[in-house]
N, C-alpha and C. Protein backbone atom coordinates (compact mmCIF):
# COMPACT_ATOMS: atom_id res chain seq x y z
N MET A 1 46.03 62.41 -1.90
CA MET A 1 45.51 61.56 -0.87
C MET A 1 46.66 60.83 -0.17
N LYS A 2 46.63 60.84 1.14
CA LYS A 2 47.68 60.20 1.92
C LYS A 2 47.46 58.69 1.95
N ARG A 3 48.53 57.94 1.69
CA ARG A 3 48.44 56.48 1.72
C ARG A 3 48.45 55.99 3.16
N LYS A 4 47.67 54.97 3.39
CA LYS A 4 47.62 54.36 4.71
C LYS A 4 48.84 53.46 4.89
N ILE A 5 49.51 53.63 6.00
CA ILE A 5 50.66 52.79 6.33
C ILE A 5 50.21 51.77 7.37
N TRP A 6 50.46 50.50 7.09
CA TRP A 6 50.15 49.41 8.02
C TRP A 6 51.40 49.05 8.79
N LYS A 7 51.22 48.69 10.03
CA LYS A 7 52.35 48.37 10.89
C LYS A 7 52.19 46.98 11.49
N VAL A 8 53.29 46.25 11.50
CA VAL A 8 53.37 45.01 12.25
C VAL A 8 54.10 45.38 13.53
N TYR A 9 53.50 45.02 14.66
CA TYR A 9 54.04 45.47 15.95
C TYR A 9 54.20 44.31 16.90
N GLY A 10 55.00 44.54 17.91
CA GLY A 10 55.17 43.57 18.98
C GLY A 10 54.79 44.20 20.30
N LEU A 11 54.19 43.39 21.18
CA LEU A 11 53.95 43.80 22.56
C LEU A 11 54.97 43.08 23.43
N TYR A 12 55.67 43.87 24.22
CA TYR A 12 56.76 43.36 25.05
C TYR A 12 56.41 43.47 26.52
N ASP A 13 56.85 42.49 27.28
CA ASP A 13 56.63 42.48 28.72
C ASP A 13 57.58 43.49 29.36
N PRO A 14 57.05 44.47 30.11
CA PRO A 14 57.91 45.49 30.70
C PRO A 14 58.79 44.95 31.84
N ARG A 15 58.47 43.78 32.36
CA ARG A 15 59.25 43.21 33.46
C ARG A 15 60.59 42.66 32.98
N ASP A 16 60.60 42.07 31.78
CA ASP A 16 61.83 41.43 31.32
C ASP A 16 62.16 41.72 29.85
N GLY A 17 61.31 42.51 29.17
CA GLY A 17 61.57 42.86 27.78
C GLY A 17 61.24 41.77 26.79
N GLU A 18 60.60 40.68 27.25
CA GLU A 18 60.29 39.56 26.37
C GLU A 18 59.13 39.92 25.44
N LEU A 19 59.29 39.58 24.16
CA LEU A 19 58.22 39.74 23.19
C LEU A 19 57.16 38.69 23.48
N ARG A 20 55.89 39.12 23.61
CA ARG A 20 54.82 38.19 23.95
C ARG A 20 53.70 38.15 22.92
N TYR A 21 53.64 39.14 22.01
CA TYR A 21 52.54 39.17 21.04
C TYR A 21 53.00 39.93 19.80
N VAL A 22 52.56 39.44 18.63
CA VAL A 22 52.81 40.12 17.36
C VAL A 22 51.45 40.36 16.70
N GLY A 23 51.23 41.58 16.21
CA GLY A 23 49.98 41.92 15.56
C GLY A 23 50.21 42.88 14.42
N GLU A 24 49.10 43.27 13.77
CA GLU A 24 49.19 44.24 12.68
C GLU A 24 48.01 45.20 12.77
N THR A 25 48.25 46.44 12.35
CA THR A 25 47.23 47.48 12.43
C THR A 25 47.61 48.66 11.55
N ASP A 26 46.63 49.50 11.28
CA ASP A 26 46.93 50.77 10.61
C ASP A 26 46.96 51.91 11.62
N ASN A 27 46.65 51.60 12.88
CA ASN A 27 46.62 52.64 13.92
C ASN A 27 47.07 52.02 15.24
N THR A 28 48.35 52.18 15.56
CA THR A 28 48.89 51.53 16.76
C THR A 28 48.28 52.07 18.05
N THR A 29 47.94 53.34 18.09
CA THR A 29 47.35 53.91 19.30
C THR A 29 45.99 53.28 19.58
N ARG A 30 45.16 53.22 18.57
CA ARG A 30 43.83 52.62 18.72
C ARG A 30 43.94 51.14 19.06
N ARG A 31 44.82 50.43 18.38
CA ARG A 31 44.96 48.99 18.60
C ARG A 31 45.47 48.70 20.01
N PHE A 32 46.41 49.49 20.49
CA PHE A 32 46.93 49.30 21.85
C PHE A 32 45.80 49.46 22.86
N LYS A 33 44.96 50.47 22.66
CA LYS A 33 43.82 50.68 23.56
C LYS A 33 42.85 49.50 23.52
N THR A 34 42.64 48.91 22.35
CA THR A 34 41.72 47.77 22.28
C THR A 34 42.30 46.54 22.98
N HIS A 35 43.61 46.39 22.94
CA HIS A 35 44.22 45.30 23.71
C HIS A 35 43.91 45.47 25.19
N LEU A 36 44.13 46.68 25.69
CA LEU A 36 43.90 46.93 27.11
C LEU A 36 42.42 46.87 27.47
N ALA A 37 41.54 47.30 26.57
CA ALA A 37 40.10 47.24 26.83
C ALA A 37 39.60 45.81 26.86
N GLY A 38 40.26 44.92 26.15
CA GLY A 38 39.87 43.51 26.15
C GLY A 38 39.93 42.89 27.52
N ILE A 39 40.80 43.42 28.37
CA ILE A 39 40.91 42.92 29.75
C ILE A 39 39.59 43.15 30.48
N LEU A 40 38.99 44.29 30.26
CA LEU A 40 37.75 44.64 30.94
C LEU A 40 36.58 43.78 30.47
N LEU A 41 36.67 43.23 29.28
CA LEU A 41 35.60 42.42 28.72
C LEU A 41 35.74 40.94 29.10
N TRP A 42 36.79 40.64 29.84
CA TRP A 42 37.07 39.24 30.23
C TRP A 42 37.16 38.35 29.01
N ASN A 43 37.80 38.88 27.98
CA ASN A 43 38.03 38.15 26.75
C ASN A 43 39.17 37.17 27.01
N ARG A 44 38.85 35.93 27.32
CA ARG A 44 39.86 34.95 27.72
C ARG A 44 40.66 34.45 26.53
N SER A 45 41.95 34.67 26.58
CA SER A 45 42.90 34.16 25.61
C SER A 45 44.26 34.22 26.29
N PRO A 46 45.25 33.53 25.76
CA PRO A 46 46.58 33.64 26.37
C PRO A 46 47.08 35.08 26.44
N CYS A 47 46.81 35.87 25.41
CA CYS A 47 47.24 37.28 25.42
C CYS A 47 46.52 38.06 26.52
N MET A 48 45.21 37.87 26.62
CA MET A 48 44.45 38.60 27.65
C MET A 48 44.85 38.16 29.05
N ASP A 49 45.16 36.88 29.23
CA ASP A 49 45.64 36.41 30.54
C ASP A 49 46.96 37.11 30.90
N TRP A 50 47.86 37.22 29.92
CA TRP A 50 49.13 37.89 30.15
C TRP A 50 48.91 39.37 30.46
N LEU A 51 48.04 40.03 29.69
CA LEU A 51 47.76 41.44 29.94
C LEU A 51 47.10 41.65 31.30
N MET A 52 46.25 40.72 31.72
CA MET A 52 45.63 40.81 33.04
C MET A 52 46.70 40.69 34.13
N ASP A 53 47.64 39.78 33.95
CA ASP A 53 48.74 39.64 34.92
C ASP A 53 49.49 40.97 35.06
N LEU A 54 49.75 41.63 33.95
CA LEU A 54 50.44 42.92 33.99
C LEU A 54 49.59 43.98 34.70
N THR A 55 48.31 44.01 34.37
CA THR A 55 47.40 45.00 34.96
C THR A 55 47.33 44.85 36.48
N ILE A 56 47.30 43.63 36.95
CA ILE A 56 47.22 43.38 38.39
C ILE A 56 48.41 44.01 39.13
N ILE A 57 49.57 44.03 38.49
CA ILE A 57 50.75 44.62 39.15
C ILE A 57 51.00 46.07 38.69
N GLY A 58 50.01 46.65 38.00
CA GLY A 58 50.10 48.06 37.61
C GLY A 58 51.02 48.35 36.45
N LYS A 59 51.20 47.39 35.56
CA LYS A 59 52.09 47.58 34.40
C LYS A 59 51.31 47.43 33.10
N LYS A 60 51.89 47.97 32.04
CA LYS A 60 51.33 47.84 30.69
C LYS A 60 52.42 47.33 29.77
N PRO A 61 52.03 46.62 28.71
CA PRO A 61 53.05 46.16 27.76
C PRO A 61 53.64 47.35 27.01
N GLN A 62 54.78 47.12 26.43
CA GLN A 62 55.41 48.13 25.58
C GLN A 62 55.19 47.73 24.13
N LEU A 63 54.74 48.66 23.32
CA LEU A 63 54.49 48.40 21.91
C LEU A 63 55.63 48.96 21.09
N HIS A 64 56.18 48.12 20.21
CA HIS A 64 57.24 48.55 19.29
C HIS A 64 56.86 48.10 17.89
N VAL A 65 56.98 49.01 16.93
CA VAL A 65 56.70 48.68 15.54
C VAL A 65 57.88 47.87 15.00
N LEU A 66 57.56 46.72 14.41
CA LEU A 66 58.58 45.84 13.83
C LEU A 66 58.80 46.13 12.35
N GLN A 67 57.71 46.53 11.66
CA GLN A 67 57.80 46.74 10.21
C GLN A 67 56.63 47.59 9.76
N GLU A 68 56.86 48.41 8.76
CA GLU A 68 55.80 49.20 8.13
C GLU A 68 55.67 48.76 6.68
N VAL A 69 54.40 48.64 6.24
CA VAL A 69 54.12 48.21 4.86
C VAL A 69 52.99 49.06 4.30
N ASN A 70 52.69 48.88 3.02
CA ASN A 70 51.75 49.76 2.33
C ASN A 70 50.34 49.20 2.15
N SER A 71 50.08 47.97 2.56
CA SER A 71 48.75 47.42 2.36
C SER A 71 48.39 46.43 3.47
N ARG A 72 47.11 46.23 3.66
CA ARG A 72 46.62 45.28 4.66
C ARG A 72 47.07 43.87 4.31
N LYS A 73 46.99 43.53 3.03
CA LYS A 73 47.40 42.20 2.58
C LYS A 73 48.86 41.95 2.94
N GLU A 74 49.70 42.92 2.66
CA GLU A 74 51.12 42.79 2.97
C GLU A 74 51.35 42.71 4.49
N SER A 75 50.56 43.46 5.25
CA SER A 75 50.73 43.42 6.71
C SER A 75 50.38 42.06 7.27
N LYS A 76 49.36 41.41 6.73
CA LYS A 76 48.99 40.06 7.17
C LYS A 76 50.10 39.06 6.87
N THR A 77 50.69 39.17 5.68
CA THR A 77 51.79 38.29 5.30
C THR A 77 52.99 38.50 6.22
N CYS A 78 53.30 39.76 6.49
CA CYS A 78 54.44 40.08 7.36
C CYS A 78 54.18 39.67 8.80
N GLU A 79 52.94 39.83 9.27
CA GLU A 79 52.59 39.41 10.62
C GLU A 79 52.85 37.91 10.78
N THR A 80 52.40 37.12 9.79
CA THR A 80 52.61 35.68 9.83
C THR A 80 54.10 35.35 9.85
N TYR A 81 54.86 36.06 9.00
CA TYR A 81 56.30 35.84 8.96
C TYR A 81 56.93 36.08 10.33
N TRP A 82 56.60 37.22 10.98
CA TRP A 82 57.22 37.56 12.26
C TRP A 82 56.79 36.61 13.37
N ILE A 83 55.55 36.16 13.34
CA ILE A 83 55.10 35.19 14.35
C ILE A 83 55.92 33.91 14.21
N GLU A 84 56.07 33.43 12.98
CA GLU A 84 56.85 32.22 12.75
C GLU A 84 58.32 32.42 13.13
N PHE A 85 58.87 33.57 12.75
CA PHE A 85 60.27 33.86 13.05
C PHE A 85 60.53 33.87 14.56
N PHE A 86 59.72 34.63 15.30
CA PHE A 86 59.96 34.75 16.73
C PHE A 86 59.63 33.46 17.48
N THR A 87 58.68 32.69 16.98
CA THR A 87 58.40 31.39 17.60
C THR A 87 59.60 30.47 17.45
N LYS A 88 60.20 30.46 16.27
CA LYS A 88 61.41 29.65 16.04
C LYS A 88 62.57 30.12 16.91
N GLU A 89 62.59 31.41 17.23
CA GLU A 89 63.64 31.97 18.08
C GLU A 89 63.42 31.65 19.56
N GLY A 90 62.27 31.05 19.88
CA GLY A 90 61.99 30.64 21.24
C GLY A 90 61.13 31.60 22.04
N CYS A 91 60.58 32.62 21.40
CA CYS A 91 59.69 33.55 22.11
C CYS A 91 58.41 32.83 22.50
N ARG A 92 57.93 33.12 23.70
CA ARG A 92 56.70 32.52 24.20
C ARG A 92 55.52 33.43 23.82
N LEU A 93 55.20 33.48 22.53
CA LEU A 93 54.15 34.35 22.06
C LEU A 93 52.79 33.88 22.56
N THR A 94 51.93 34.85 22.81
CA THR A 94 50.57 34.55 23.28
C THR A 94 49.56 34.60 22.14
N ASN A 95 50.04 34.72 20.90
CA ASN A 95 49.14 34.71 19.75
C ASN A 95 48.41 33.37 19.70
N VAL A 96 47.13 33.41 19.35
CA VAL A 96 46.35 32.18 19.24
C VAL A 96 46.45 31.67 17.82
């Protein structure tokens, strides 16, 4: 049986390369699509506002995997770590 690999990822602004969101998933393709679909649902949040701004100018964020881990529990811990790390570095994350 194949083990599920969980990924902590960042969404980057294609205009300037700035990291704007950190998340975790076991399927980056599906998760990326759900981020973009959230725009259509008018799901208001800082992340959705940022994604809407990109959509208006015909751009999409860039997704990059920051870390791979072996469990959901570990991915949640790592996601929290990266959010705190990048916030301290001065990134304007849109995570709520």
